[in-house]
Amino acid sequence: MEDSPKQNLAISAYRWLKRDIIRGVFAPGEKLLMARLKERYDLGVGPLREALSQLVADRLVVAISQRGYRVAPMSLAELEDLYDARAQLEGLMLELAIQRGDDRWEADIIATAHTLAKVESVSSSEELLDIWDSRHKAYHSAIVAGCNSPHLMQVRDTLFDQVERYRHLWLRETVFSSEALAVKREEHAALTEAVLSRDASKARRMMREHLMTPVPIITEVMARRGLD
C-alpha cells in the first residue's frame, strides 16, 4: 500500500527539518515558529506538526506546553554521555559481528571502505560533507551489520540520530582538508584490517578510539559558543 500525499508531505517535512536542526540552521533552544517553518519548507501546518511530533520522539525538539516547540538544548554532559553510549554499543555490535559475520559481511566492509577511501577532493565543502558523511556512515554500518540483529541496528540508528548534532560541529570544524582525509583513510584502513582479521579486542579498542576522537574538538567548539 502506497503512502498518501499527506503522509509523503509529513515525511518530507520530517527529513528537511531534522537535517536543518542537525546542520545548525536552527540553534539549540531556538523557538520553532510555525510561520517561519511554513515559509521555509512551503508546507502546511499539518505535515509540520507531524514532523515536529516525530522530532520530539527523537529528542531533537522539545514541546512547550501551549507554546509550540523549541530545538532541544545541547550540553557537555549530554555530549559525553552520547559519545560514550555510542562507543559502547558500537563495540558490542562489532564483537557480535566478528563472531557471526560471513563472507558477504566481509565483502561489504571491503566495498564500503574502498568507496570511502576514494573521496579525496570535491568541488565544494558542502558537497564534500554530504558525500564523505554518507560513505562514512555506510562503512561503519557495514561493519556492525554482521551482528545480524535488527533490534540492535534500530537502537543504534536512534542513538546516532541524537549524536548527529554534536558530530556535525566536529565535521564543520575540521572542514576535511586533504590532510585530514588522509589521516582518516589511514585510521579506516587499520580498523578494516583489525576487523577482517577478527581480532575482537584490538578492533573494539580501535573502534572506541576512532569514535571518541571528535569529543575534545566538539567540547572546545561548544565552550566557544557558550553551550555548556
Protein backbone atom coordinates (compact mmCIF):
# COMPACT_ATOMS: atom_id res chain seq x y z
CA MET A 1 0.00 0.00 0.00
CA GLU A 2 1.42 3.35 -1.09
CA ASP A 3 1.75 6.32 1.25
CA SER A 4 -0.83 9.05 0.82
CA PRO A 5 0.25 12.51 -0.41
CA LYS A 6 -0.34 13.82 3.13
CA GLN A 7 1.96 11.15 4.60
CA ASN A 8 4.59 11.95 1.99
CA LEU A 9 4.46 15.64 2.93
CA ALA A 10 4.92 14.78 6.61
CA ILE A 11 7.87 12.53 5.78
CA SER A 12 9.46 15.29 3.71
CA ALA A 13 8.88 17.84 6.46
CA TYR A 14 10.50 15.50 8.99
CA ARG A 15 13.58 14.90 6.84
CA TRP A 16 14.10 18.56 5.98
CA LEU A 17 13.57 19.86 9.48
CA LYS A 18 15.73 17.14 11.01
CA ARG A 19 18.54 17.92 8.59
CA ASP A 20 18.34 21.65 9.37
CA ILE A 21 18.42 21.04 13.13
CA ILE A 22 21.44 18.75 12.76
CA ARG A 23 23.17 21.26 10.49
CA GLY A 24 22.58 24.10 12.96
CA VAL A 25 20.17 26.15 10.83
CA PHE A 26 18.05 26.26 13.98
CA ALA A 27 20.11 26.82 17.12
CA PRO A 28 19.78 24.83 20.36
CA GLY A 29 16.90 26.27 22.39
CA GLU A 30 15.54 28.29 19.45
CA LYS A 31 11.76 28.51 19.22
CA LEU A 32 10.44 26.90 16.06
CA LEU A 33 7.88 29.40 14.81
CA MET A 34 5.24 27.80 12.63
CA ALA A 35 5.07 30.82 10.32
CA ARG A 36 8.79 30.59 9.62
CA LEU A 37 8.63 26.83 9.06
CA LYS A 38 5.69 27.18 6.65
CA GLU A 39 7.61 29.75 4.63
CA ARG A 40 10.93 27.86 4.65
CA TYR A 41 9.52 24.49 3.60
CA ASP A 42 6.44 25.64 1.70
CA LEU A 43 4.27 23.25 3.69
CA GLY A 44 1.06 23.47 5.70
CA VAL A 45 0.61 23.20 9.45
CA GLY A 46 -0.50 19.54 9.37
CA PRO A 47 2.68 17.96 7.94
CA LEU A 48 4.85 20.27 10.03
CA ARG A 49 3.10 19.30 13.27
CA GLU A 50 3.52 15.61 12.42
CA ALA A 51 7.22 16.20 11.73
CA LEU A 52 7.68 18.12 14.97
CA SER A 53 5.96 15.36 16.97
CA GLN A 54 8.35 12.80 15.50
CA LEU A 55 11.33 15.03 16.27
CA VAL A 56 10.13 15.29 19.88
CA ALA A 57 10.22 11.48 20.00
CA ASP A 58 13.74 11.65 18.54
CA ARG A 59 14.69 14.10 21.34
CA LEU A 60 15.79 16.73 18.83
CA VAL A 61 12.83 19.01 19.60
CA VAL A 62 11.11 19.87 22.89
CA ALA A 63 7.37 20.52 23.10
CA ILE A 64 6.45 23.59 25.15
CA SER A 65 3.03 23.32 26.77
CA GLN A 66 0.59 25.54 24.86
CA ARG A 67 3.50 27.48 23.37
CA GLY A 68 4.76 25.38 20.49
CA TYR A 69 8.19 23.83 20.07
CA ARG A 70 11.87 24.56 20.64
CA VAL A 71 15.03 22.91 19.40
CA ALA A 72 16.35 20.64 22.16
CA PRO A 73 19.24 22.14 24.14
CA MET A 74 22.81 20.84 23.88
CA SER A 75 25.21 20.29 26.78
CA LEU A 76 28.67 18.94 27.52
CA ALA A 77 27.14 16.34 29.84
CA GLU A 78 24.91 15.04 27.04
CA LEU A 79 27.83 15.12 24.59
CA GLU A 80 29.96 12.90 26.82
CA ASP A 81 27.10 10.52 27.62
CA LEU A 82 26.00 10.16 23.99
CA TYR A 83 29.50 9.52 22.67
CA ASP A 84 30.29 7.02 25.41
CA ALA A 85 26.99 5.21 24.85
CA ARG A 86 27.62 5.19 21.12
CA ALA A 87 31.12 3.77 21.53
CA GLN A 88 29.91 1.12 24.00
CA LEU A 89 27.09 -0.01 21.71
CA GLU A 90 29.28 0.01 18.61
CA GLY A 91 31.90 -2.07 20.43
CA LEU A 92 29.31 -4.66 21.47
CA MET A 93 27.87 -4.88 17.95
CA LEU A 94 31.36 -5.11 16.46
CA GLU A 95 32.23 -8.09 18.67
CA LEU A 96 29.00 -9.82 17.71
CA ALA A 97 29.67 -9.09 14.03
CA ILE A 98 33.13 -10.65 14.29
CA GLN A 99 31.56 -13.76 15.83
CA ARG A 100 28.66 -14.01 13.39
CA GLY A 101 29.78 -12.31 10.18
CA ASP A 102 30.11 -14.34 6.98
CA ASP A 103 31.89 -13.85 3.65
CA ARG A 104 29.26 -11.41 2.42
CA TRP A 105 29.77 -9.31 5.55
CA GLU A 106 33.49 -9.15 4.85
CA ALA A 107 32.84 -8.23 1.21
CA ASP A 108 30.52 -5.38 2.22
CA ILE A 109 33.15 -3.95 4.56
CA ILE A 110 35.79 -4.07 1.83
CA ALA A 111 33.46 -2.46 -0.70
CA THR A 112 32.34 0.41 1.55
CA ALA A 113 35.91 1.00 2.77
CA HIS A 114 37.07 1.27 -0.83
CA THR A 115 34.31 3.71 -1.76
CA LEU A 116 35.04 5.85 1.30
CA ALA A 117 38.77 5.93 0.55
CA LYS A 118 38.04 7.26 -2.95
CA VAL A 119 36.86 10.60 -1.53
CA GLU A 120 39.99 12.72 -1.93
CA SER A 121 38.74 16.10 -3.09
CA VAL A 122 35.36 17.53 -4.02
CA SER A 123 34.41 20.82 -5.66
CA SER A 124 32.80 22.36 -2.57
CA SER A 125 32.95 21.81 1.19
CA GLU A 126 29.18 21.25 1.37
CA GLU A 127 29.34 18.59 -1.33
CA LEU A 128 32.33 17.03 0.42
CA LEU A 129 30.45 16.97 3.68
CA ASP A 130 27.48 15.13 2.16
CA ILE A 131 29.46 12.60 0.14
CA TRP A 132 32.07 11.78 2.78
CA ASP A 133 29.49 11.59 5.55
CA SER A 134 27.20 9.29 3.56
CA ARG A 135 30.04 6.91 2.67
CA HIS A 136 31.43 7.04 6.20
CA LYS A 137 28.07 6.01 7.64
CA ALA A 138 27.77 3.20 5.08
CA TYR A 139 31.22 1.89 6.06
CA HIS A 140 30.51 1.83 9.79
CA SER A 141 27.05 0.35 9.24
CA ALA A 142 28.57 -2.43 7.13
CA ILE A 143 30.93 -3.34 9.97
CA VAL A 144 28.23 -3.73 12.63
CA ALA A 145 25.61 -5.20 10.29
CA GLY A 146 27.30 -8.56 10.77
CA CYS A 147 25.82 -8.73 14.27
CA ASN A 148 22.62 -9.86 12.50
CA SER A 149 20.33 -8.11 14.98
CA PRO A 150 17.68 -5.79 13.52
CA HIS A 151 16.77 -4.61 17.03
CA LEU A 152 20.34 -3.58 17.86
CA MET A 153 20.58 -1.82 14.49
CA GLN A 154 17.40 0.10 15.31
CA VAL A 155 18.71 1.17 18.71
CA ARG A 156 21.95 2.22 17.00
CA ASP A 157 20.06 4.36 14.47
CA THR A 158 18.18 6.16 17.25
CA LEU A 159 21.34 6.82 19.22
CA PHE A 160 23.24 8.04 16.17
CA ASP A 161 20.44 10.48 15.34
CA GLN A 162 20.94 12.08 18.76
CA VAL A 163 24.71 12.21 18.26
CA GLU A 164 24.47 13.89 14.86
CA ARG A 165 24.08 17.50 16.06
CA TYR A 166 27.24 17.20 18.12
CA ARG A 167 29.11 15.31 15.44
CA HIS A 168 28.24 17.95 12.87
CA LEU A 169 30.09 20.57 14.95
CA TRP A 170 33.19 18.43 14.50
CA LEU A 171 32.60 17.98 10.77
CA ARG A 172 32.28 21.74 10.32
CA GLU A 173 35.31 22.46 12.44
CA THR A 174 37.67 20.10 10.65
CA VAL A 175 36.33 21.02 7.18
CA PHE A 176 38.12 17.93 5.91
CA SER A 177 41.25 19.17 4.25
CA SER A 178 43.13 16.67 2.09
CA GLU A 179 45.45 16.13 5.07
CA ALA A 180 42.51 15.33 7.39
CA LEU A 181 41.08 12.94 4.83
CA ALA A 182 44.45 11.18 4.55
CA VAL A 183 44.54 10.66 8.33
CA LYS A 184 41.01 9.26 8.28
CA ARG A 185 41.89 6.91 5.40
CA GLU A 186 44.77 5.51 7.47
CA GLU A 187 42.50 5.05 10.51
CA HIS A 188 39.87 3.26 8.45
CA ALA A 189 42.43 1.03 6.72
CA ALA A 190 43.87 -0.05 10.08
CA LEU A 191 40.38 -0.61 11.52
CA THR A 192 39.33 -2.65 8.48
CA GLU A 193 42.42 -4.85 8.82
CA ALA A 194 41.70 -5.50 12.52
CA VAL A 195 38.04 -6.30 11.85
CA LEU A 196 38.73 -8.66 8.94
CA SER A 197 41.44 -10.43 10.91
CA ARG A 198 38.68 -10.98 13.51
CA ASP A 199 40.81 -9.65 16.33
CA ALA A 200 37.87 -8.63 18.53
CA SER A 201 39.75 -6.97 21.40
CA LYS A 202 42.02 -4.96 19.09
CA ALA A 203 39.16 -3.98 16.78
CA ARG A 204 36.97 -2.89 19.70
CA ARG A 205 39.78 -0.78 21.20
CA MET A 206 40.50 0.86 17.83
CA MET A 207 36.79 1.49 17.23
CA ARG A 208 36.39 3.27 20.56
CA GLU A 209 39.44 5.46 19.95
CA HIS A 210 38.16 6.26 16.46
CA LEU A 211 34.65 7.16 17.61
CA MET A 212 35.79 9.24 20.59
CA THR A 213 38.28 11.37 18.60
CA PRO A 214 35.81 14.23 17.94
CA VAL A 215 34.86 14.77 21.62
CA PRO A 216 37.69 17.19 22.61
CA ILE A 217 37.14 19.21 19.43
CA ILE A 218 33.37 19.38 19.96
CA THR A 219 33.92 20.33 23.61
CA GLU A 220 36.09 23.25 22.52
CA VAL A 221 33.56 24.43 19.93
CA MET A 222 30.72 24.25 22.45
CA ALA A 223 32.73 26.18 25.03
CA ARG A 224 33.32 28.96 22.47
CA ARG A 225 29.59 29.08 21.77
CA GLY A 226 28.59 29.01 25.44
CA LEU A 227 26.92 25.62 25.13
CA ASP A 228 27.80 24.08 28.49
